[in-house]
Protein backbone atom coordinates (compact mmCIF):
# COMPACT_ATOMS: atom_id res chain seq x y z
CA UNK A 1 90.66 29.06 3.25
CA UNK A 2 86.92 28.67 2.83
CA UNK A 3 85.18 25.94 4.74
CA UNK A 4 83.48 23.30 2.62
CA UNK A 5 79.73 23.07 2.96
CA UNK A 6 78.00 19.80 3.77
CA UNK A 7 75.37 18.31 1.46
CA UNK A 8 72.66 19.31 3.94
CA UNK A 9 73.83 22.93 3.81
CA UNK A 10 73.90 22.86 0.02
CA UNK A 11 70.38 21.42 -0.12
CA UNK A 12 69.11 24.01 2.36
CA UNK A 13 70.68 26.81 0.31
CA UNK A 14 68.99 25.47 -2.84
CA UNK A 15 65.62 25.56 -1.10
CA UNK A 16 66.25 29.09 0.17
CA UNK A 17 67.39 30.32 -3.25
CA UNK A 18 64.36 28.83 -4.99
CA UNK A 19 61.93 30.40 -2.52
CA UNK A 20 63.73 33.77 -2.59
CA UNK A 21 63.50 33.83 -6.39
CA UNK A 22 59.75 33.21 -6.12
CA UNK A 23 59.46 35.93 -3.46
CA UNK A 24 61.49 38.36 -5.56
CA UNK A 25 59.26 37.75 -8.56
CA UNK A 26 56.08 38.32 -6.50
CA UNK A 27 57.41 41.55 -5.02
CA UNK A 28 58.74 42.71 -8.38
CA UNK A 29 55.42 42.20 -10.17
CA UNK A 30 53.31 43.73 -7.40
CA UNK A 31 55.59 46.76 -6.97
CA UNK A 32 55.60 47.39 -10.73
CA UNK A 33 51.80 47.17 -10.86
CA UNK A 34 51.22 49.53 -7.93
CA UNK A 35 53.94 52.12 -8.66
CA UNK A 36 52.60 55.41 -9.93
CA UNK A 37 53.63 56.15 -13.48
CA UNK A 38 54.67 59.58 -14.65
CA UNK A 39 57.56 58.80 -16.98
CA UNK A 40 57.77 55.07 -16.21
CA UNK A 41 61.28 55.36 -14.78
CA UNK A 42 60.25 54.26 -11.26
CA UNK A 43 58.28 51.28 -12.55
CA UNK A 44 61.13 50.26 -14.85
CA UNK A 45 63.74 50.61 -12.10
CA UNK A 46 62.26 47.93 -9.82
CA UNK A 47 64.58 44.93 -9.91
CA UNK A 48 65.65 41.96 -7.78
CA UNK A 49 68.29 39.26 -7.61
CA UNK A 50 69.33 36.43 -5.32
CA UNK A 51 73.04 36.22 -4.69
CA UNK A 52 74.98 34.15 -3.73
CA UNK A 53 72.32 31.69 -2.54
CA UNK A 54 70.61 33.18 0.46
CA UNK A 55 70.48 36.96 -0.03
CA UNK A 56 67.58 38.66 -1.82
CA UNK A 57 68.35 42.18 -3.03
CA UNK A 58 65.51 44.36 -4.28
CA UNK A 59 66.09 47.84 -5.67
CA UNK A 60 64.36 50.85 -7.18
CA UNK A 61 65.32 54.46 -7.87
CA UNK A 62 65.76 56.55 -4.72
CA UNK A 63 62.57 58.58 -5.02
CA UNK A 64 60.37 55.45 -5.03
CA UNK A 65 60.28 55.53 -1.24
CA UNK A 66 58.51 58.90 -1.34
CA UNK A 67 55.73 57.97 -3.79
CA UNK A 68 52.30 56.76 -2.74
CA UNK A 69 51.28 53.54 -4.49
CA UNK A 70 48.31 53.78 -6.83
CA UNK A 71 45.03 52.23 -5.81
CA UNK A 72 45.82 52.27 -2.08
CA UNK A 73 44.58 54.82 0.42
CA UNK A 74 46.52 53.56 3.41
CA UNK A 75 48.77 56.61 3.53
CA UNK A 76 51.87 54.44 3.32
CA UNK A 77 54.58 55.23 0.82
CA UNK A 78 56.93 53.02 -1.17
CA UNK A 79 55.12 50.37 -3.23
CA UNK A 80 58.22 48.15 -3.13
CA UNK A 81 58.36 48.08 0.67
CA UNK A 82 54.61 47.45 0.95
CA UNK A 83 54.85 44.50 -1.46
CA UNK A 84 57.87 43.07 0.41
CA UNK A 85 56.15 43.29 3.80
CA UNK A 86 53.06 41.62 2.37
CA UNK A 87 54.89 38.50 1.14
CA UNK A 88 57.83 38.05 3.53
CA UNK A 89 56.08 36.09 6.31
CA UNK A 90 54.51 33.59 3.93
CA UNK A 91 57.84 32.89 2.22
CA UNK A 92 59.70 32.59 5.52
CA UNK A 93 57.22 29.96 6.69
CA UNK A 94 57.58 28.05 3.40
CA UNK A 95 61.38 28.05 3.68
CA UNK A 96 61.32 26.82 7.28
CA UNK A 97 58.77 24.10 6.45
CA UNK A 98 60.67 22.82 3.42
CA UNK A 99 64.04 22.77 5.17
CA UNK A 100 62.50 20.99 8.16
CA UNK A 101 60.93 18.42 5.85
CA UNK A 102 64.22 17.92 4.01
CA UNK A 103 66.11 17.42 7.27
CA UNK A 104 63.61 15.00 8.78
CA UNK A 105 62.96 13.04 5.57
CA UNK A 106 65.67 10.38 6.24
CA UNK A 107 64.09 9.60 9.60
CA UNK A 108 60.58 9.32 8.19
CA UNK A 109 61.46 6.75 5.51
CA UNK A 110 62.95 4.17 7.89
């Protein structure tokens, strides 16, 4: 039998899901913009979703990891991975800050 979650856990999961959706959208838009376009299949294949509440899944066709992003001369491949690495730290800090604020809020109001 599944264990019931507390209200604090539910609130934390809502914060995480909201921030992961924002992160997914940022990565999605940046990866689509920087993916090289031959037929458009790679650009159109970039997708993300957050499920159940705390897991962000980002996908693209398999050959995307071998393509150099347009407009960048860094020598790195995989526009999706580059976009994810660029935004992950900022979002992690936002999640930690918001959850900390939500947990300490009852103590601050008294």
